[in-house]
Amino acid sequence: MPSLQAYQYRMPAGFAGDLQRAEIATIEPQLIDPAAPPTAFGVAVKMVNGKIQPINLAADTAAIVYGVNLRPYPIQGNGTDPLGSSTPPTSGVTDILRRGYVNVVLGGTASALKNGTVYLRVASPAAGKPLGGFEAGADGANTVAMPASWSFTGPADSYGVTEIAVNI
């Protein structure tokens, strides 16, 4: 994200995995499975044998989603991370959003609409469509619809970041 610029219409929404409206959020610290750690913030994760793993199987369903991998603040990024990004740890403890609002990168080509259905990519990852990523349109068997308690709160910003309501 460029700095020192004027925004004519809309400020950027933030970064993927940023918690929004913290006063109503339910966040749990959970152990990361070092054999299969999440590779991004703001993606859906599942619980396997008491540890957090990314959504990584075509057989994963909406029911298996445990929550969303949150980006802690403040965070000490890796020295090789580009400006405005961060890489999740591969072991230890991570924060998981179970209920609340979070910024995510909108995958796919469909535009997010207020109160729109949230789809989760479970197969056929591609550029801009990571496994565990959120999309606003169905893509056959490659995405699953999340429950009605998950919804978009509005359109994505110019960087593709939007906010979703989780279990609200």
N, C-alpha and C. Protein backbone atom coordinates (compact mmCIF):
# COMPACT_ATOMS: atom_id res chain seq x y z
N MET A 1 0.84 -1.17 0.00
CA MET A 1 0.00 0.00 0.00
C MET A 1 0.89 1.24 0.00
N PRO A 2 0.70 2.16 -0.91
CA PRO A 2 1.52 3.37 -0.93
C PRO A 2 1.23 4.23 0.30
N SER A 3 2.22 4.96 0.73
CA SER A 3 2.01 5.86 1.87
C SER A 3 2.04 7.30 1.37
N LEU A 4 1.65 8.21 2.22
CA LEU A 4 1.64 9.64 1.92
C LEU A 4 0.85 9.97 0.66
N GLN A 5 -0.37 9.51 0.60
CA GLN A 5 -1.20 9.84 -0.54
C GLN A 5 -2.58 10.24 -0.05
N ALA A 6 -3.26 11.02 -0.85
CA ALA A 6 -4.62 11.44 -0.52
C ALA A 6 -5.60 10.43 -1.12
N TYR A 7 -6.65 10.14 -0.38
CA TYR A 7 -7.67 9.21 -0.86
C TYR A 7 -8.91 10.01 -1.23
N GLN A 8 -9.26 10.00 -2.51
CA GLN A 8 -10.41 10.77 -2.97
C GLN A 8 -11.73 10.16 -2.56
N TYR A 9 -11.83 8.84 -2.62
CA TYR A 9 -13.12 8.20 -2.42
C TYR A 9 -13.16 7.24 -1.24
N ARG A 10 -12.18 6.37 -1.12
CA ARG A 10 -12.24 5.36 -0.08
C ARG A 10 -10.84 4.99 0.37
N MET A 11 -10.65 4.94 1.69
CA MET A 11 -9.38 4.48 2.22
C MET A 11 -9.27 2.97 2.05
N PRO A 12 -8.04 2.44 2.01
CA PRO A 12 -7.90 0.99 1.98
C PRO A 12 -8.52 0.37 3.24
N ALA A 13 -9.03 -0.85 3.09
CA ALA A 13 -9.72 -1.52 4.20
C ALA A 13 -8.77 -2.00 5.28
N GLY A 14 -7.54 -2.29 4.92
CA GLY A 14 -6.58 -2.82 5.88
C GLY A 14 -5.82 -3.98 5.26
N PHE A 15 -5.40 -4.90 6.11
CA PHE A 15 -4.63 -6.05 5.67
C PHE A 15 -5.40 -7.33 5.94
N ALA A 16 -5.13 -8.34 5.15
CA ALA A 16 -5.77 -9.64 5.35
C ALA A 16 -5.43 -10.17 6.74
N GLY A 17 -6.46 -10.61 7.44
CA GLY A 17 -6.29 -11.14 8.78
C GLY A 17 -6.42 -10.11 9.88
N ASP A 18 -6.61 -8.83 9.52
CA ASP A 18 -6.81 -7.79 10.54
C ASP A 18 -8.16 -7.96 11.20
N LEU A 19 -8.18 -7.95 12.52
CA LEU A 19 -9.42 -8.00 13.29
C LEU A 19 -10.11 -6.65 13.22
N GLN A 20 -11.41 -6.66 13.03
CA GLN A 20 -12.22 -5.45 13.04
C GLN A 20 -13.23 -5.56 14.18
N ARG A 21 -13.63 -4.43 14.76
CA ARG A 21 -14.65 -4.41 15.81
C ARG A 21 -14.30 -5.37 16.94
N ALA A 22 -13.15 -5.17 17.54
CA ALA A 22 -12.61 -6.10 18.53
C ALA A 22 -13.52 -6.31 19.73
N GLU A 23 -14.33 -5.32 20.05
CA GLU A 23 -15.15 -5.42 21.26
C GLU A 23 -16.17 -6.56 21.22
N ILE A 24 -16.49 -7.08 20.04
CA ILE A 24 -17.46 -8.18 19.97
C ILE A 24 -16.84 -9.48 19.50
N ALA A 25 -15.54 -9.51 19.33
CA ALA A 25 -14.87 -10.68 18.76
C ALA A 25 -14.66 -11.78 19.80
N THR A 26 -14.70 -13.01 19.33
CA THR A 26 -14.31 -14.16 20.13
C THR A 26 -13.07 -14.73 19.47
N ILE A 27 -11.95 -14.64 20.18
CA ILE A 27 -10.65 -15.05 19.65
C ILE A 27 -10.08 -16.12 20.57
N GLU A 28 -9.55 -17.17 19.98
CA GLU A 28 -8.94 -18.24 20.76
C GLU A 28 -7.48 -18.42 20.34
N PRO A 29 -6.58 -18.57 21.31
CA PRO A 29 -5.21 -18.96 20.96
C PRO A 29 -5.20 -20.47 20.71
N GLN A 30 -4.59 -20.88 19.63
CA GLN A 30 -4.53 -22.30 19.29
C GLN A 30 -3.13 -22.65 18.79
N LEU A 31 -2.75 -23.91 18.99
CA LEU A 31 -1.45 -24.38 18.52
C LEU A 31 -1.49 -24.65 17.02
N ILE A 32 -0.42 -24.26 16.35
CA ILE A 32 -0.25 -24.51 14.92
C ILE A 32 0.35 -25.89 14.75
N ASP A 33 -0.13 -26.64 13.77
CA ASP A 33 0.47 -27.92 13.43
C ASP A 33 1.71 -27.63 12.58
N PRO A 34 2.93 -27.84 13.13
CA PRO A 34 4.13 -27.50 12.36
C PRO A 34 4.30 -28.35 11.10
N ALA A 35 3.60 -29.48 11.02
CA ALA A 35 3.68 -30.32 9.82
C ALA A 35 2.83 -29.74 8.69
N ALA A 36 1.86 -28.88 9.04
CA ALA A 36 0.98 -28.28 8.02
C ALA A 36 0.49 -26.93 8.53
N PRO A 37 1.37 -25.92 8.57
CA PRO A 37 0.96 -24.62 9.10
C PRO A 37 0.20 -23.78 8.07
N PRO A 38 -0.67 -22.88 8.53
CA PRO A 38 -1.30 -21.93 7.60
C PRO A 38 -0.22 -21.06 6.95
N THR A 39 -0.40 -20.72 5.69
CA THR A 39 0.62 -19.95 4.98
C THR A 39 0.23 -18.49 4.78
N ALA A 40 -0.95 -18.11 5.25
CA ALA A 40 -1.40 -16.72 5.09
C ALA A 40 -2.33 -16.35 6.24
N PHE A 41 -2.42 -15.06 6.51
CA PHE A 41 -3.40 -14.55 7.46
C PHE A 41 -4.70 -14.28 6.71
N GLY A 42 -5.81 -14.36 7.42
CA GLY A 42 -7.11 -14.07 6.81
C GLY A 42 -7.65 -15.20 5.96
N VAL A 43 -7.23 -16.43 6.25
CA VAL A 43 -7.76 -17.59 5.55
C VAL A 43 -8.43 -18.51 6.56
N ALA A 44 -9.33 -19.35 6.08
CA ALA A 44 -10.01 -20.31 6.94
C ALA A 44 -9.03 -21.39 7.37
N VAL A 45 -9.22 -21.88 8.59
CA VAL A 45 -8.40 -22.96 9.11
C VAL A 45 -9.31 -24.02 9.74
N LYS A 46 -8.72 -25.20 9.93
CA LYS A 46 -9.45 -26.31 10.54
C LYS A 46 -8.65 -26.84 11.72
N MET A 47 -9.31 -27.59 12.59
CA MET A 47 -8.67 -28.21 13.74
C MET A 47 -8.49 -29.69 13.42
N VAL A 48 -7.23 -30.16 13.48
CA VAL A 48 -6.92 -31.56 13.23
C VAL A 48 -6.06 -32.06 14.39
N ASN A 49 -6.56 -33.02 15.12
CA ASN A 49 -5.85 -33.58 16.28
C ASN A 49 -5.41 -32.50 17.25
N GLY A 50 -6.28 -31.53 17.49
CA GLY A 50 -6.00 -30.49 18.47
C GLY A 50 -5.09 -29.38 17.99
N LYS A 51 -4.75 -29.36 16.71
CA LYS A 51 -3.86 -28.33 16.18
C LYS A 51 -4.47 -27.71 14.92
N ILE A 52 -4.07 -26.46 14.65
CA ILE A 52 -4.60 -25.70 13.52
C ILE A 52 -3.85 -26.05 12.24
N GLN A 53 -4.62 -26.32 11.19
CA GLN A 53 -4.09 -26.57 9.85
C GLN A 53 -4.87 -25.73 8.85
N PRO A 54 -4.29 -25.46 7.69
CA PRO A 54 -5.06 -24.74 6.66
C PRO A 54 -6.08 -25.66 6.01
N ILE A 55 -7.05 -25.07 5.35
CA ILE A 55 -7.96 -25.85 4.51
C ILE A 55 -7.12 -26.30 3.32
N ASN A 56 -6.96 -27.61 3.16
CA ASN A 56 -6.03 -28.09 2.13
C ASN A 56 -6.48 -29.35 1.41
N LEU A 57 -7.71 -29.76 1.60
CA LEU A 57 -8.21 -30.96 0.94
C LEU A 57 -9.52 -30.67 0.23
N ALA A 58 -9.71 -31.26 -0.93
CA ALA A 58 -10.96 -31.07 -1.66
C ALA A 58 -12.15 -31.60 -0.87
N ALA A 59 -11.89 -32.53 0.05
CA ALA A 59 -12.96 -33.10 0.88
C ALA A 59 -13.34 -32.19 2.05
N ASP A 60 -12.58 -31.12 2.29
CA ASP A 60 -12.91 -30.20 3.38
C ASP A 60 -14.25 -29.52 3.08
N THR A 61 -15.05 -29.37 4.10
CA THR A 61 -16.38 -28.76 3.94
C THR A 61 -16.49 -27.52 4.81
N ALA A 62 -17.58 -26.80 4.66
CA ALA A 62 -17.82 -25.63 5.50
C ALA A 62 -17.91 -26.04 6.97
N ALA A 63 -18.42 -27.23 7.24
CA ALA A 63 -18.58 -27.68 8.62
C ALA A 63 -17.25 -27.92 9.32
N ILE A 64 -16.18 -28.16 8.57
CA ILE A 64 -14.88 -28.44 9.18
C ILE A 64 -14.13 -27.15 9.56
N VAL A 65 -14.58 -26.01 9.05
CA VAL A 65 -13.90 -24.74 9.33
C VAL A 65 -13.99 -24.41 10.81
N TYR A 66 -12.82 -24.21 11.43
CA TYR A 66 -12.77 -23.87 12.85
C TYR A 66 -12.83 -22.36 13.06
N GLY A 67 -12.25 -21.61 12.14
CA GLY A 67 -12.23 -20.16 12.25
C GLY A 67 -11.34 -19.55 11.18
N VAL A 68 -10.91 -18.31 11.44
CA VAL A 68 -10.07 -17.57 10.49
C VAL A 68 -8.76 -17.21 11.18
N ASN A 69 -7.65 -17.45 10.50
CA ASN A 69 -6.32 -17.14 11.03
C ASN A 69 -6.12 -15.63 11.09
N LEU A 70 -5.97 -15.10 12.31
CA LEU A 70 -5.84 -13.65 12.50
C LEU A 70 -4.39 -13.21 12.45
N ARG A 71 -4.20 -12.00 12.00
CA ARG A 71 -2.89 -11.34 11.99
C ARG A 71 -2.76 -10.61 13.32
N PRO A 72 -1.82 -11.02 14.16
CA PRO A 72 -1.68 -10.34 15.45
C PRO A 72 -1.11 -8.94 15.28
N TYR A 73 -1.42 -8.09 16.22
CA TYR A 73 -0.88 -6.73 16.17
C TYR A 73 -0.34 -6.40 17.54
N PRO A 74 0.85 -5.89 17.68
CA PRO A 74 1.81 -5.70 16.59
C PRO A 74 2.44 -7.03 16.20
N ILE A 75 3.03 -7.05 15.03
CA ILE A 75 3.67 -8.27 14.55
C ILE A 75 5.09 -7.95 14.10
N GLN A 76 5.99 -8.85 14.41
CA GLN A 76 7.37 -8.74 13.95
C GLN A 76 7.48 -9.63 12.73
N GLY A 77 7.50 -9.05 11.56
CA GLY A 77 7.56 -9.82 10.33
C GLY A 77 8.93 -10.40 10.09
N ASN A 78 9.00 -11.29 9.12
CA ASN A 78 10.29 -11.82 8.69
C ASN A 78 11.05 -10.71 7.98
N GLY A 79 12.35 -10.75 8.01
CA GLY A 79 13.15 -9.73 7.34
C GLY A 79 12.97 -9.71 5.84
N THR A 80 12.46 -10.79 5.28
CA THR A 80 12.29 -10.87 3.83
C THR A 80 10.87 -10.56 3.37
N ASP A 81 9.96 -10.29 4.31
CA ASP A 81 8.58 -9.95 3.92
C ASP A 81 8.55 -8.59 3.25
N PRO A 82 7.82 -8.47 2.12
CA PRO A 82 7.68 -7.15 1.50
C PRO A 82 6.84 -6.23 2.38
N LEU A 83 6.98 -4.93 2.16
CA LEU A 83 6.24 -3.95 2.93
C LEU A 83 4.75 -4.19 2.79
N GLY A 84 4.04 -4.16 3.92
CA GLY A 84 2.59 -4.33 3.90
C GLY A 84 2.14 -5.78 3.91
N SER A 85 3.06 -6.71 4.11
CA SER A 85 2.67 -8.11 4.18
C SER A 85 3.38 -8.77 5.35
N SER A 86 2.92 -9.93 5.72
CA SER A 86 3.57 -10.68 6.78
C SER A 86 3.27 -12.16 6.59
N THR A 87 4.19 -12.97 7.05
CA THR A 87 4.07 -14.41 6.93
C THR A 87 3.73 -14.99 8.29
N PRO A 88 2.71 -15.84 8.39
CA PRO A 88 2.37 -16.44 9.68
C PRO A 88 3.49 -17.33 10.19
N PRO A 89 3.56 -17.49 11.50
CA PRO A 89 4.55 -18.42 12.05
C PRO A 89 4.21 -19.85 11.63
N THR A 90 5.22 -20.71 11.62
CA THR A 90 5.02 -22.10 11.21
C THR A 90 4.87 -23.04 12.40
N SER A 91 5.00 -22.50 13.60
CA SER A 91 4.81 -23.31 14.81
C SER A 91 4.46 -22.36 15.95
N GLY A 92 4.08 -22.94 17.06
CA GLY A 92 3.71 -22.12 18.22
C GLY A 92 2.23 -21.84 18.26
N VAL A 93 1.89 -20.67 18.78
CA VAL A 93 0.49 -20.30 18.99
C VAL A 93 0.06 -19.25 17.97
N THR A 94 -1.18 -19.35 17.52
CA THR A 94 -1.75 -18.35 16.63
C THR A 94 -3.14 -17.98 17.14
N ASP A 95 -3.62 -16.82 16.74
CA ASP A 95 -4.95 -16.37 17.13
C ASP A 95 -5.95 -16.79 16.06
N ILE A 96 -7.07 -17.36 16.49
CA ILE A 96 -8.12 -17.81 15.58
C ILE A 96 -9.41 -17.07 15.93
N LEU A 97 -9.99 -16.42 14.92
CA LEU A 97 -11.27 -15.75 15.10
C LEU A 97 -12.38 -16.78 14.98
N ARG A 98 -13.16 -16.91 16.05
CA ARG A 98 -14.31 -17.82 16.05
C ARG A 98 -15.61 -17.08 15.77
N ARG A 99 -15.64 -15.79 16.17
CA ARG A 99 -16.83 -14.97 15.96
C ARG A 99 -16.39 -13.53 15.90
N GLY A 100 -16.87 -12.80 14.91
CA GLY A 100 -16.53 -11.39 14.80
C GLY A 100 -16.37 -10.96 13.35
N TYR A 101 -15.58 -9.92 13.16
CA TYR A 101 -15.36 -9.34 11.83
C TYR A 101 -13.87 -9.34 11.53
N VAL A 102 -13.53 -9.67 10.28
CA VAL A 102 -12.12 -9.77 9.90
C VAL A 102 -11.97 -9.34 8.44
N ASN A 103 -10.82 -8.73 8.14
CA ASN A 103 -10.48 -8.39 6.76
C ASN A 103 -9.88 -9.61 6.08
N VAL A 104 -10.29 -9.84 4.84
CA VAL A 104 -9.76 -10.95 4.05
C VAL A 104 -9.52 -10.46 2.62
N VAL A 105 -8.67 -11.16 1.90
CA VAL A 105 -8.49 -10.87 0.48
C VAL A 105 -9.60 -11.59 -0.27
N LEU A 106 -10.30 -10.86 -1.11
CA LEU A 106 -11.38 -11.43 -1.91
C LEU A 106 -10.79 -12.15 -3.12
N GLY A 107 -11.00 -13.45 -3.19
CA GLY A 107 -10.52 -14.23 -4.32
C GLY A 107 -11.58 -14.31 -5.41
N GLY A 108 -11.20 -14.87 -6.53
CA GLY A 108 -12.15 -15.04 -7.62
C GLY A 108 -12.44 -13.74 -8.34
N THR A 109 -13.45 -13.78 -9.20
CA THR A 109 -13.77 -12.61 -10.02
C THR A 109 -15.08 -11.94 -9.62
N ALA A 110 -15.90 -12.61 -8.82
CA ALA A 110 -17.18 -12.02 -8.41
C ALA A 110 -16.96 -10.93 -7.37
N SER A 111 -17.77 -9.90 -7.42
CA SER A 111 -17.70 -8.79 -6.45
C SER A 111 -18.48 -9.14 -5.20
N ALA A 112 -17.92 -8.76 -4.05
CA ALA A 112 -18.61 -8.98 -2.78
C ALA A 112 -19.71 -7.94 -2.63
N LEU A 113 -20.85 -8.38 -2.12
CA LEU A 113 -21.98 -7.50 -1.86
C LEU A 113 -22.33 -7.56 -0.38
N LYS A 114 -22.85 -6.47 0.14
CA LYS A 114 -23.27 -6.44 1.54
C LYS A 114 -24.26 -7.57 1.79
N ASN A 115 -24.01 -8.34 2.85
CA ASN A 115 -24.81 -9.51 3.24
C ASN A 115 -24.74 -10.64 2.22
N GLY A 116 -23.77 -10.59 1.31
CA GLY A 116 -23.62 -11.64 0.30
C GLY A 116 -23.07 -12.92 0.88
N THR A 117 -23.34 -14.02 0.20
CA THR A 117 -22.86 -15.34 0.61
C THR A 117 -21.34 -15.42 0.49
N VAL A 118 -20.72 -16.03 1.49
CA VAL A 118 -19.28 -16.24 1.50
C VAL A 118 -19.01 -17.66 1.03
N TYR A 119 -18.13 -17.79 0.04
CA TYR A 119 -17.72 -19.10 -0.46
C TYR A 119 -16.27 -19.34 -0.08
N LEU A 120 -15.95 -20.59 0.21
CA LEU A 120 -14.61 -20.99 0.64
C LEU A 120 -14.00 -21.89 -0.42
N ARG A 121 -12.77 -21.56 -0.86
CA ARG A 121 -12.09 -22.38 -1.87
C ARG A 121 -11.49 -23.61 -1.19
N VAL A 122 -11.88 -24.80 -1.70
CA VAL A 122 -11.39 -26.06 -1.14
C VAL A 122 -10.62 -26.90 -2.17
N ALA A 123 -10.63 -26.49 -3.44
CA ALA A 123 -9.93 -27.25 -4.48
C ALA A 123 -9.50 -26.32 -5.61
N SER A 124 -8.60 -26.81 -6.43
CA SER A 124 -8.10 -26.09 -7.62
C SER A 124 -7.61 -24.68 -7.31
N PRO A 125 -6.58 -24.58 -6.46
CA PRO A 125 -6.05 -23.24 -6.20
C PRO A 125 -5.41 -22.66 -7.46
N ALA A 126 -5.43 -21.35 -7.57
CA ALA A 126 -4.83 -20.65 -8.70
C ALA A 126 -4.42 -19.26 -8.20
N ALA A 127 -3.81 -18.49 -9.05
CA ALA A 127 -3.41 -17.13 -8.68
C ALA A 127 -4.64 -16.35 -8.20
N GLY A 128 -4.56 -15.81 -7.01
CA GLY A 128 -5.67 -15.05 -6.44
C GLY A 128 -6.78 -15.91 -5.89
N LYS A 129 -6.60 -17.23 -5.89
CA LYS A 129 -7.62 -18.15 -5.39
C LYS A 129 -6.95 -19.22 -4.53
N PRO A 130 -6.42 -18.85 -3.36
CA PRO A 130 -5.73 -19.84 -2.52
C PRO A 130 -6.72 -20.78 -1.83
N LEU A 131 -6.26 -21.97 -1.50
CA LEU A 131 -7.07 -22.86 -0.68
C LEU A 131 -7.34 -22.18 0.66
N GLY A 132 -8.58 -22.24 1.11
CA GLY A 132 -8.95 -21.59 2.36
C GLY A 132 -9.29 -20.13 2.18
N GLY A 133 -9.15 -19.62 0.96
CA GLY A 133 -9.49 -18.23 0.68
C GLY A 133 -10.98 -18.04 0.49
N PHE A 134 -11.42 -16.80 0.60
CA PHE A 134 -12.84 -16.48 0.52
C PHE A 134 -13.18 -15.84 -0.81
N GLU A 135 -14.33 -16.23 -1.37
CA GLU A 135 -14.79 -15.71 -2.65
C GLU A 135 -16.26 -15.33 -2.56
N ALA A 136 -16.70 -14.50 -3.49
CA ALA A 136 -18.09 -14.03 -3.48
C ALA A 136 -18.96 -14.79 -4.47
N GLY A 137 -18.39 -15.71 -5.23
CA GLY A 137 -19.17 -16.48 -6.19
C GLY A 137 -18.79 -17.94 -6.14
N ALA A 138 -19.76 -18.81 -6.40
CA ALA A 138 -19.51 -20.25 -6.41
C ALA A 138 -18.65 -20.61 -7.62
N ASP A 139 -17.82 -21.63 -7.46
CA ASP A 139 -16.98 -22.13 -8.54
C ASP A 139 -17.09 -23.65 -8.58
N GLY A 140 -18.30 -24.14 -8.79
CA GLY A 140 -18.54 -25.58 -8.86
C GLY A 140 -18.10 -26.29 -7.59
N ALA A 141 -17.43 -27.42 -7.77
CA ALA A 141 -16.96 -28.21 -6.63
C ALA A 141 -15.71 -27.62 -6.00
N ASN A 142 -15.17 -26.55 -6.56
CA ASN A 142 -13.95 -25.94 -6.03
C ASN A 142 -14.21 -25.05 -4.82
N THR A 143 -15.47 -24.66 -4.61
CA THR A 143 -15.83 -23.82 -3.47
C THR A 143 -17.03 -24.42 -2.75
N VAL A 144 -17.14 -24.11 -1.47
CA VAL A 144 -18.32 -24.49 -0.69
C VAL A 144 -18.88 -23.23 -0.06
N ALA A 145 -20.20 -23.18 0.06
CA ALA A 145 -20.85 -22.02 0.68
C ALA A 145 -20.72 -22.14 2.20
N MET A 146 -20.34 -21.04 2.83
CA MET A 146 -20.29 -21.00 4.28
C MET A 146 -21.72 -20.82 4.80
N PRO A 147 -21.95 -21.13 6.08
CA PRO A 147 -23.30 -20.96 6.64
C PRO A 147 -23.78 -19.51 6.53
N ALA A 148 -25.07 -19.30 6.67
CA ALA A 148 -25.66 -17.96 6.58
C ALA A 148 -25.14 -17.02 7.65
N SER A 149 -24.52 -17.56 8.70
CA SER A 149 -23.95 -16.71 9.75
C SER A 149 -22.63 -16.07 9.32
N TRP A 150 -22.15 -16.40 8.13
CA TRP A 150 -20.98 -15.77 7.53
C TRP A 150 -21.47 -14.91 6.37
N SER A 151 -21.02 -13.66 6.29
CA SER A 151 -21.45 -12.81 5.17
C SER A 151 -20.42 -11.71 4.93
N PHE A 152 -20.49 -11.15 3.73
CA PHE A 152 -19.66 -9.99 3.40
C PHE A 152 -20.34 -8.75 3.96
N THR A 153 -19.54 -7.78 4.39
CA THR A 153 -20.12 -6.53 4.90
C THR A 153 -20.11 -5.44 3.84
N GLY A 154 -19.54 -5.73 2.69
CA GLY A 154 -19.50 -4.75 1.61
C GLY A 154 -18.48 -5.14 0.57
N PRO A 155 -18.27 -4.28 -0.43
CA PRO A 155 -17.34 -4.59 -1.52
C PRO A 155 -15.88 -4.49 -1.08
N ALA A 156 -15.00 -5.05 -1.90
CA ALA A 156 -13.57 -4.98 -1.64
C ALA A 156 -13.03 -3.60 -2.00
N ASP A 157 -11.91 -3.24 -1.37
CA ASP A 157 -11.25 -1.98 -1.72
C ASP A 157 -10.41 -2.19 -2.98
N SER A 158 -9.65 -1.19 -3.36
CA SER A 158 -8.86 -1.27 -4.60
C SER A 158 -7.73 -2.29 -4.51
N TYR A 159 -7.42 -2.77 -3.30
CA TYR A 159 -6.38 -3.78 -3.12
C TYR A 159 -6.98 -5.18 -3.00
N GLY A 160 -8.30 -5.29 -3.13
CA GLY A 160 -8.97 -6.59 -3.05
C GLY A 160 -9.27 -7.05 -1.64
N VAL A 161 -9.15 -6.17 -0.66
CA VAL A 161 -9.42 -6.54 0.73
C VAL A 161 -10.86 -6.15 1.07
N THR A 162 -11.58 -7.09 1.68
CA THR A 162 -12.95 -6.85 2.11
C THR A 162 -13.12 -7.39 3.53
N GLU A 163 -14.25 -7.10 4.12
CA GLU A 163 -14.52 -7.55 5.48
C GLU A 163 -15.62 -8.60 5.45
N ILE A 164 -15.44 -9.65 6.27
CA ILE A 164 -16.51 -10.63 6.42
C ILE A 164 -16.93 -10.70 7.88
N ALA A 165 -18.20 -11.00 8.07
CA ALA A 165 -18.75 -11.26 9.39
C ALA A 165 -18.72 -12.77 9.59
N VAL A 166 -18.14 -13.21 10.70
CA VAL A 166 -17.98 -14.63 10.99
C VAL A 166 -18.88 -15.01 12.16
N ASN A 167 -19.81 -15.90 11.93
CA ASN A 167 -20.73 -16.38 12.97
C ASN A 167 -21.47 -15.25 13.66
N ILE A 168 -21.92 -14.27 12.89
CA ILE A 168 -22.68 -13.14 13.44
C ILE A 168 -24.15 -13.35 13.14
